Amino acid sequence: MKSGLSIHQTKALWFDSKLNQVVIIDQTVLPHQYIEHRVGSALEMVDAIRSMKLRGAPLIGTAAAYGMYFAFIEAKRSNQFQPVFESTKSQLHSARPTAVNLMDAVDFMIPFCHPDHENIQVLEAAQQYENQNNQACYGIGLNGLELIRDIYTKTKKTVQILTHCNAGWLATGTYGTATAPIYLAHEAGIPVHVWVDETRPRNQGANLTSWELMQMQVPHTVIADNTGGHLMQHAMVDMVIVGSDRTTANGDVANKIGTYLKALAAFDNKIPFYVALPLSTIDFELCDGISQIPIEERGSEELTHILGIDEQNMIRNIRIYAESTSVINYGFDVTPARLVTALITEKGVVKANKEAISRLTNFEL
């Protein structure tokens, strides 16, 4: 890909109608290589989600919608539609336990996956879900843009924004959630600079967010995960914007491990801490994120090994811990609603509490 793209030109996933396949950018090799990976079956989509070739709650949702389309086709080809479809649907449903968008997409697709329906009807439903995701992210961008504009209007200085993990177009399909306001501000001529947490253990900030910002030519600096508090203490951060994998009805936010610590530092330094998310990421059945949101435990190799490129320009996965080291790898943590300044959604900016979220979701887009 070339640098200097418009945010309106970006895509992390697209459907190839000629080959009846979904094409994704393989995020496990970025930023060292740009590889497009083709998915042509439901189980291939499950593997792409589990292996994190694609990741990010909204993008996982879109991928699951297309996975349901493939599941429908495969079930129709068999002589036992319901057992085959239910088995594949179950595997899709459990591919990543924390991201609620996956379940939302599966539930959205179920009414369309009737054995009497034609393939095109189910494909159009998956495309509808994708378009809704993209429009939601654009709405988040517009609403968050005003928050950035307000800071710039008051200070007349470059707006310093800290983010965590990757909540950009690689995680959503286009625009991003946390990055959508940043991209739109940049395109509007508002000077912004992004502090990019490296985000151990998979380094999604250093590898993915930095790569994205580079494509958009947005000024940014990669920092170690533990640097954010220091920057905030020295008035080098104007606002924090992060994404969400699941948010409860009362505003508790599950996001990449380490988000909670950024929220604590922001609260202590009186810096606004915003969470950008589509309403599909809100789980209205949960009201206590710490006790109710399932936190995914991932493989130990994500901690014990690191992916990089050597002097021969070869990608290597090397061990950085002693071989016998015991590790535990929680993928997410929960930030309590009391630490969240506001939620930036496609319908507006809202306080992170049950009453405000409920009022917002009663309105139509």
Protein backbone atom coordinates (compact mmCIF):
# COMPACT_ATOMS: atom_id res chain seq x y z
CA MET A 1 0.00 0.00 0.00
CA LYS A 2 1.08 3.56 -0.65
CA SER A 3 1.36 6.27 1.99
CA GLY A 4 -0.85 9.33 1.80
CA LEU A 5 -4.17 7.49 1.41
CA SER A 6 -7.46 9.15 2.23
CA ILE A 7 -9.29 7.47 5.09
CA HIS A 8 -12.19 6.99 2.65
CA GLN A 9 -9.96 4.69 0.55
CA THR A 10 -9.06 2.23 3.29
CA LYS A 11 -10.37 -1.32 3.64
CA ALA A 12 -9.30 -4.17 5.94
CA LEU A 13 -11.75 -6.67 4.42
CA TRP A 14 -13.62 -6.89 1.13
CA PHE A 15 -15.71 -9.39 -0.81
CA ASP A 16 -14.49 -10.74 -4.16
CA SER A 17 -17.71 -11.48 -6.05
CA LYS A 18 -15.91 -13.21 -8.94
CA LEU A 19 -14.37 -15.89 -6.70
CA ASN A 20 -17.02 -15.76 -3.95
CA GLN A 21 -14.33 -15.17 -1.36
CA VAL A 22 -13.54 -12.64 1.35
CA VAL A 23 -10.13 -10.98 1.11
CA ILE A 24 -8.48 -9.78 4.31
CA ILE A 25 -5.18 -8.10 5.13
CA ASP A 26 -3.13 -10.60 7.16
CA GLN A 27 -2.45 -8.59 10.30
CA THR A 28 -0.07 -11.15 11.81
CA VAL A 29 2.75 -10.06 9.47
CA LEU A 30 2.23 -6.28 9.46
CA PRO A 31 4.13 -3.97 9.34
CA HIS A 32 6.93 -6.08 7.90
CA GLN A 33 4.91 -7.57 5.05
CA TYR A 34 1.64 -6.69 3.32
CA ILE A 35 -0.17 -9.94 2.48
CA GLU A 36 -3.76 -10.38 1.35
CA HIS A 37 -5.32 -13.60 2.64
CA ARG A 38 -8.33 -15.24 0.96
CA VAL A 39 -11.14 -16.89 2.91
CA GLY A 40 -13.64 -19.11 1.12
CA SER A 41 -15.33 -21.19 3.84
CA ALA A 42 -16.86 -20.80 7.27
CA LEU A 43 -14.11 -22.76 9.00
CA GLU A 44 -11.43 -20.74 7.21
CA MET A 45 -13.12 -17.66 8.64
CA VAL A 46 -13.12 -19.19 12.12
CA ASP A 47 -9.38 -19.85 11.75
CA ALA A 48 -8.74 -16.30 10.49
CA ILE A 49 -10.49 -14.90 13.57
CA ARG A 50 -8.84 -17.25 16.08
CA SER A 51 -5.36 -16.86 14.59
CA MET A 52 -5.83 -13.06 14.57
CA LYS A 53 -5.18 -12.67 10.87
CA LEU A 54 -8.07 -10.31 11.42
CA ARG A 55 -8.99 -8.81 14.78
CA GLY A 56 -10.80 -5.91 16.36
CA ALA A 57 -14.39 -6.19 17.58
CA PRO A 58 -16.21 -4.51 14.63
CA LEU A 59 -14.09 -6.30 12.00
CA ILE A 60 -14.64 -9.62 13.74
CA GLY A 61 -18.37 -8.88 13.51
CA THR A 62 -18.20 -8.23 9.77
CA ALA A 63 -16.05 -11.33 9.27
CA ALA A 64 -18.55 -13.43 11.24
CA ALA A 65 -21.40 -12.14 9.04
CA TYR A 66 -19.55 -13.38 5.96
CA GLY A 67 -18.70 -16.59 7.85
CA MET A 68 -22.43 -17.15 8.31
CA TYR A 69 -22.89 -16.67 4.58
CA PHE A 70 -20.32 -19.40 3.92
CA ALA A 71 -21.94 -21.60 6.57
CA PHE A 72 -25.29 -21.18 4.81
CA ILE A 73 -23.84 -22.19 1.44
CA GLU A 74 -22.12 -25.24 2.94
CA ALA A 75 -25.28 -26.31 4.74
CA LYS A 76 -27.36 -25.92 1.57
CA ARG A 77 -24.92 -28.14 -0.32
CA SER A 78 -25.30 -30.90 2.28
CA ASN A 79 -28.41 -33.03 2.66
CA GLN A 80 -28.68 -32.10 6.35
CA PHE A 81 -29.03 -28.34 6.43
CA GLN A 82 -29.83 -27.78 10.09
CA PRO A 83 -27.15 -29.98 11.76
CA VAL A 84 -24.41 -28.72 9.42
CA PHE A 85 -25.45 -25.08 9.79
CA GLU A 86 -25.80 -25.26 13.59
CA SER A 87 -22.40 -26.90 13.99
CA THR A 88 -20.63 -24.25 11.94
CA LYS A 89 -22.59 -21.41 13.55
CA SER A 90 -21.51 -22.66 16.98
CA GLN A 91 -17.84 -22.60 15.96
CA LEU A 92 -18.17 -19.06 14.64
CA HIS A 93 -19.99 -17.98 17.80
CA SER A 94 -17.13 -19.17 20.03
CA ALA A 95 -14.16 -18.07 17.90
CA ARG A 96 -13.34 -15.10 20.21
CA PRO A 97 -15.23 -14.98 23.54
CA THR A 98 -14.76 -11.34 24.59
CA ALA A 99 -15.78 -9.40 21.46
CA VAL A 100 -19.58 -9.04 21.57
CA ASN A 101 -19.76 -7.90 17.93
CA LEU A 102 -19.13 -11.49 16.87
CA MET A 103 -22.27 -12.68 18.63
CA ASP A 104 -24.16 -9.64 17.37
CA ALA A 105 -23.27 -10.49 13.76
CA VAL A 106 -24.23 -14.14 14.13
CA ASP A 107 -27.58 -13.17 15.67
CA PHE A 108 -28.14 -10.59 12.90
CA MET A 109 -27.57 -13.20 10.19
CA ILE A 110 -29.69 -16.03 11.63
CA PRO A 111 -33.08 -14.81 10.27
CA PHE A 112 -31.60 -14.59 6.77
CA CYS A 113 -30.10 -18.10 6.87
CA HIS A 114 -33.33 -19.98 6.19
CA PRO A 115 -32.97 -23.06 3.96
CA ASP A 116 -35.60 -21.67 1.58
CA HIS A 117 -33.57 -18.52 0.94
CA GLU A 118 -31.21 -17.99 -1.97
CA ASN A 119 -27.48 -17.44 -1.57
CA ILE A 120 -27.76 -13.85 -2.82
CA GLN A 121 -30.20 -12.96 -0.04
CA VAL A 122 -27.76 -14.11 2.62
CA LEU A 123 -24.81 -12.40 0.92
CA GLU A 124 -26.74 -9.13 0.78
CA ALA A 125 -27.47 -9.44 4.52
CA ALA A 126 -23.74 -9.84 5.25
CA GLN A 127 -22.99 -6.81 3.08
CA GLN A 128 -25.71 -4.87 4.88
CA TYR A 129 -24.07 -5.70 8.21
CA GLU A 130 -20.68 -4.57 6.87
CA ASN A 131 -22.14 -1.28 5.60
CA GLN A 132 -23.81 -0.63 8.95
CA ASN A 133 -20.45 -1.17 10.67
CA ASN A 134 -18.72 1.25 8.32
CA GLN A 135 -21.39 3.91 8.70
CA ALA A 136 -21.25 3.56 12.49
CA CYS A 137 -17.50 4.14 12.44
CA TYR A 138 -17.92 7.23 10.26
CA GLY A 139 -20.52 8.54 12.72
CA ILE A 140 -18.09 7.94 15.59
CA GLY A 141 -15.50 9.91 13.65
CA LEU A 142 -17.81 12.88 13.15
CA ASN A 143 -18.84 12.98 16.81
CA GLY A 144 -15.30 12.56 18.11
CA LEU A 145 -14.00 15.17 15.68
CA GLU A 146 -15.91 17.84 17.61
CA LEU A 147 -14.13 16.88 20.84
CA ILE A 148 -10.76 17.31 19.14
CA ARG A 149 -11.89 20.55 17.52
CA ASP A 150 -12.94 21.94 20.91
CA ILE A 151 -9.48 21.33 22.36
CA TYR A 152 -7.77 22.92 19.36
CA THR A 153 -10.10 25.93 19.48
CA LYS A 154 -9.15 26.54 23.11
CA THR A 155 -5.40 25.92 22.87
CA LYS A 156 -4.50 26.70 19.24
CA LYS A 157 -1.84 24.03 19.65
CA THR A 158 -1.37 20.55 18.21
CA VAL A 159 -3.82 18.22 19.94
CA GLN A 160 -1.90 15.46 21.72
CA ILE A 161 -3.86 12.19 21.74
CA LEU A 162 -2.88 8.93 23.42
CA THR A 163 -4.37 5.66 22.24
CA HIS A 164 -3.95 2.00 23.16
CA CYS A 165 -3.82 -1.12 21.00
CA ASN A 166 -5.33 -0.83 17.51
CA ALA A 167 -8.83 0.55 17.11
CA GLY A 168 -8.28 1.79 13.57
CA TRP A 169 -9.55 0.71 10.18
CA LEU A 170 -7.58 -2.53 10.45
CA ALA A 171 -9.81 -3.38 13.43
CA THR A 172 -13.11 -2.28 11.93
CA GLY A 173 -13.08 -2.48 8.15
CA THR A 174 -12.80 1.26 7.52
CA TYR A 175 -12.36 4.53 9.49
CA GLY A 176 -11.77 2.80 12.83
CA THR A 177 -13.34 3.65 16.17
CA ALA A 178 -10.71 5.39 18.31
CA THR A 179 -8.84 6.55 15.20
CA ALA A 180 -11.85 7.75 13.19
CA PRO A 181 -11.97 11.16 14.95
CA ILE A 182 -8.20 11.46 14.53
CA TYR A 183 -8.31 10.78 10.79
CA LEU A 184 -11.21 13.18 10.23
CA ALA A 185 -9.47 15.87 12.31
CA HIS A 186 -6.29 15.39 10.26
CA GLU A 187 -8.24 15.68 7.01
CA ALA A 188 -9.98 18.81 8.36
CA GLY A 189 -6.62 20.47 8.86
CA ILE A 190 -6.59 20.28 12.67
CA PRO A 191 -3.02 19.55 13.81
CA VAL A 192 -2.90 16.31 15.79
CA HIS A 193 -0.14 14.11 17.17
CA VAL A 194 -0.79 10.57 18.40
CA TRP A 195 1.10 8.82 21.19
CA VAL A 196 0.90 5.14 20.19
CA ASP A 197 1.24 2.55 22.96
CA GLU A 198 3.24 -0.40 21.65
CA THR A 199 0.64 -2.64 23.33
CA ARG A 200 2.36 -5.77 24.48
CA PRO A 201 2.21 -8.66 24.08
CA ARG A 202 1.16 -8.62 20.39
CA ASN A 203 2.36 -5.06 19.77
CA GLN A 204 -0.80 -4.04 17.92
CA GLY A 205 -0.06 -0.40 18.60
CA ALA A 206 3.52 -0.45 17.35
CA ASN A 207 2.78 -2.83 14.48
CA LEU A 208 -0.72 -1.87 13.36
CA THR A 209 -1.74 1.58 14.62
CA SER A 210 1.64 3.06 13.72
CA TRP A 211 1.45 1.44 10.26
CA GLU A 212 -2.04 2.83 9.73
CA LEU A 213 -1.08 6.33 10.81
CA MET A 214 1.92 6.15 8.52
CA GLN A 215 -0.36 5.34 5.56
CA MET A 216 -2.51 8.37 6.48
CA GLN A 217 0.57 10.57 7.11
CA VAL A 218 -0.68 11.43 10.60
CA PRO A 219 2.15 12.54 12.96
CA HIS A 220 2.69 9.96 15.69
CA THR A 221 5.24 8.51 18.10
CA VAL A 222 5.39 4.94 19.40
CA ILE A 223 5.93 4.66 23.16
CA ALA A 224 6.38 1.80 25.61
CA ASP A 225 3.14 0.84 27.33
CA ASN A 226 4.28 2.22 30.66
CA THR A 227 5.16 5.68 29.32
CA GLY A 228 1.62 7.06 29.19
CA GLY A 229 1.45 8.03 32.86
CA HIS A 230 4.70 9.96 32.63
CA LEU A 231 3.45 11.88 29.60
CA MET A 232 0.22 12.76 31.40
CA GLN A 233 2.07 13.99 34.49
CA HIS A 234 4.04 16.38 32.28
CA ALA A 235 0.97 17.77 30.43
CA MET A 236 1.97 16.08 27.18
CA VAL A 237 -1.43 14.45 26.60
CA ASP A 238 -4.66 16.39 25.93
CA MET A 239 -6.99 13.39 25.67
CA VAL A 240 -7.04 9.60 25.59
CA ILE A 241 -9.18 7.75 23.03
CA VAL A 242 -9.41 3.95 23.09
CA GLY A 243 -11.71 1.36 21.57
CA SER A 244 -13.79 -1.37 23.16
CA ASP A 245 -14.37 -5.08 22.63
CA ARG A 246 -17.41 -5.14 24.89
CA THR A 247 -19.14 -2.46 26.94
CA THR A 248 -21.82 -3.19 29.53
CA ALA A 249 -25.19 -1.46 29.82
CA ASN A 250 -23.81 0.65 32.69
CA GLY A 251 -20.66 1.75 30.81
CA ASP A 252 -17.93 -0.63 32.01
CA VAL A 253 -15.47 -1.16 29.16
CA ALA A 254 -13.53 -4.29 28.23
CA ASN A 255 -10.60 -3.47 25.98
CA LYS A 256 -7.06 -4.65 25.34
CA ILE A 257 -5.10 -5.43 28.51
CA GLY A 258 -3.52 -2.25 29.87
CA THR A 259 -6.45 0.04 29.10
CA TYR A 260 -7.48 0.18 32.77
CA LEU A 261 -4.05 1.51 33.77
CA LYS A 262 -4.31 4.30 31.16
CA ALA A 263 -7.73 5.23 32.54
CA LEU A 264 -6.35 5.42 36.09
CA ALA A 265 -3.49 7.66 34.98
CA ALA A 266 -5.86 9.89 33.01
CA PHE A 267 -8.23 10.18 35.98
CA ASP A 268 -5.38 11.09 38.33
CA ASN A 269 -4.14 13.79 35.95
CA LYS A 270 -7.61 15.15 35.07
CA ILE A 271 -7.24 14.21 31.39
CA PRO A 272 -10.40 13.20 29.50
CA PHE A 273 -10.58 9.47 28.81
CA TYR A 274 -12.89 8.61 25.91
CA VAL A 275 -14.02 5.22 24.62
CA ALA A 276 -15.03 5.11 20.94
CA LEU A 277 -17.39 2.29 20.01
CA PRO A 278 -20.36 1.41 17.82
CA LEU A 279 -23.55 0.64 19.71
CA SER A 280 -23.25 -2.97 18.54
CA THR A 281 -20.36 -3.30 21.03
CA ILE A 282 -22.68 -2.64 23.99
CA ASP A 283 -23.92 -5.80 25.70
CA PHE A 284 -27.23 -4.75 27.24
CA GLU A 285 -27.52 -8.02 29.15
CA LEU A 286 -24.52 -7.20 31.35
CA CYS A 287 -24.32 -4.57 34.08
CA ASP A 288 -21.04 -5.43 35.87
CA GLY A 289 -18.07 -5.70 33.55
CA ILE A 290 -15.56 -6.97 36.10
CA SER A 291 -17.65 -9.96 37.19
CA GLN A 292 -19.61 -10.67 34.01
CA ILE A 293 -17.42 -10.07 30.95
CA PRO A 294 -15.46 -13.21 30.01
CA ILE A 295 -11.77 -12.35 29.72
CA GLU A 296 -9.94 -14.35 27.09
CA GLU A 297 -6.72 -16.09 28.11
CA ARG A 298 -4.44 -16.42 25.12
CA GLY A 299 -1.46 -18.67 24.48
CA SER A 300 1.76 -18.17 26.44
CA GLU A 301 3.85 -17.82 23.26
CA GLU A 302 2.44 -14.31 22.72
CA LEU A 303 4.38 -13.33 25.85
CA THR A 304 7.40 -15.61 25.66
CA HIS A 305 8.13 -14.88 21.98
CA ILE A 306 8.20 -11.79 19.81
CA LEU A 307 7.84 -11.35 16.06
CA GLY A 308 10.31 -9.15 14.25
CA ILE A 309 12.44 -8.75 11.17
CA ASP A 310 16.16 -9.56 11.12
CA GLU A 311 19.07 -8.04 9.23
CA GLN A 312 18.38 -10.39 6.30
CA ASN A 313 14.87 -8.92 6.06
CA MET A 314 13.39 -12.21 7.26
CA ILE A 315 10.48 -12.33 9.70
CA ARG A 316 11.48 -14.29 12.81
CA ASN A 317 9.57 -15.37 15.90
CA ILE A 318 12.12 -15.50 18.72
CA ARG A 319 11.89 -16.49 22.38
CA ILE A 320 12.64 -13.64 24.80
CA TYR A 321 11.97 -15.42 28.12
CA ALA A 322 13.82 -18.29 29.74
CA GLU A 323 12.33 -21.54 28.46
CA SER A 324 10.94 -22.66 31.82
CA THR A 325 9.30 -19.31 32.68
CA SER A 326 5.70 -19.56 33.85
CA VAL A 327 3.41 -16.94 32.26
CA ILE A 328 -0.26 -16.03 32.08
CA ASN A 329 -1.65 -14.02 29.19
CA TYR A 330 -4.95 -12.20 29.78
CA GLY A 331 -6.08 -10.54 26.55
CA PHE A 332 -8.30 -7.84 28.06
CA ASP A 333 -9.09 -5.89 31.20
CA VAL A 334 -12.16 -3.94 32.32
CA THR A 335 -12.20 -0.19 32.92
CA PRO A 336 -15.00 0.77 35.33
CA ALA A 337 -17.49 3.34 34.03
CA ARG A 338 -16.47 5.82 36.75
CA LEU A 339 -13.12 6.30 35.00
CA VAL A 340 -14.64 6.90 31.55
CA THR A 341 -15.26 10.56 30.67
CA ALA A 342 -17.69 9.65 27.88
CA LEU A 343 -18.50 7.11 25.19
CA ILE A 344 -18.17 8.28 21.59
CA THR A 345 -20.80 6.44 19.55
CA GLU A 346 -22.35 6.84 16.11
CA LYS A 347 -25.39 8.44 17.74
CA GLY A 348 -23.49 10.95 19.83
CA VAL A 349 -21.22 11.42 22.82
CA VAL A 350 -22.76 10.08 26.01
CA LYS A 351 -21.81 9.67 29.65
CA ALA A 352 -20.80 6.15 30.63
CA ASN A 353 -23.81 5.27 32.76
CA LYS A 354 -26.95 3.18 32.36
CA GLU A 355 -29.38 6.10 32.18
CA ALA A 356 -27.46 8.02 29.52
CA ILE A 357 -26.79 4.92 27.42
CA SER A 358 -30.45 3.91 27.65
CA ARG A 359 -31.65 7.35 26.54
CA LEU A 360 -29.23 7.36 23.61
CA THR A 361 -30.21 3.93 22.32
CA ASN A 362 -33.91 4.81 22.28
CA PHE A 363 -33.29 7.13 19.32
CA GLU A 364 -33.07 5.98 15.72
CA LEU A 365 -29.98 6.73 13.63
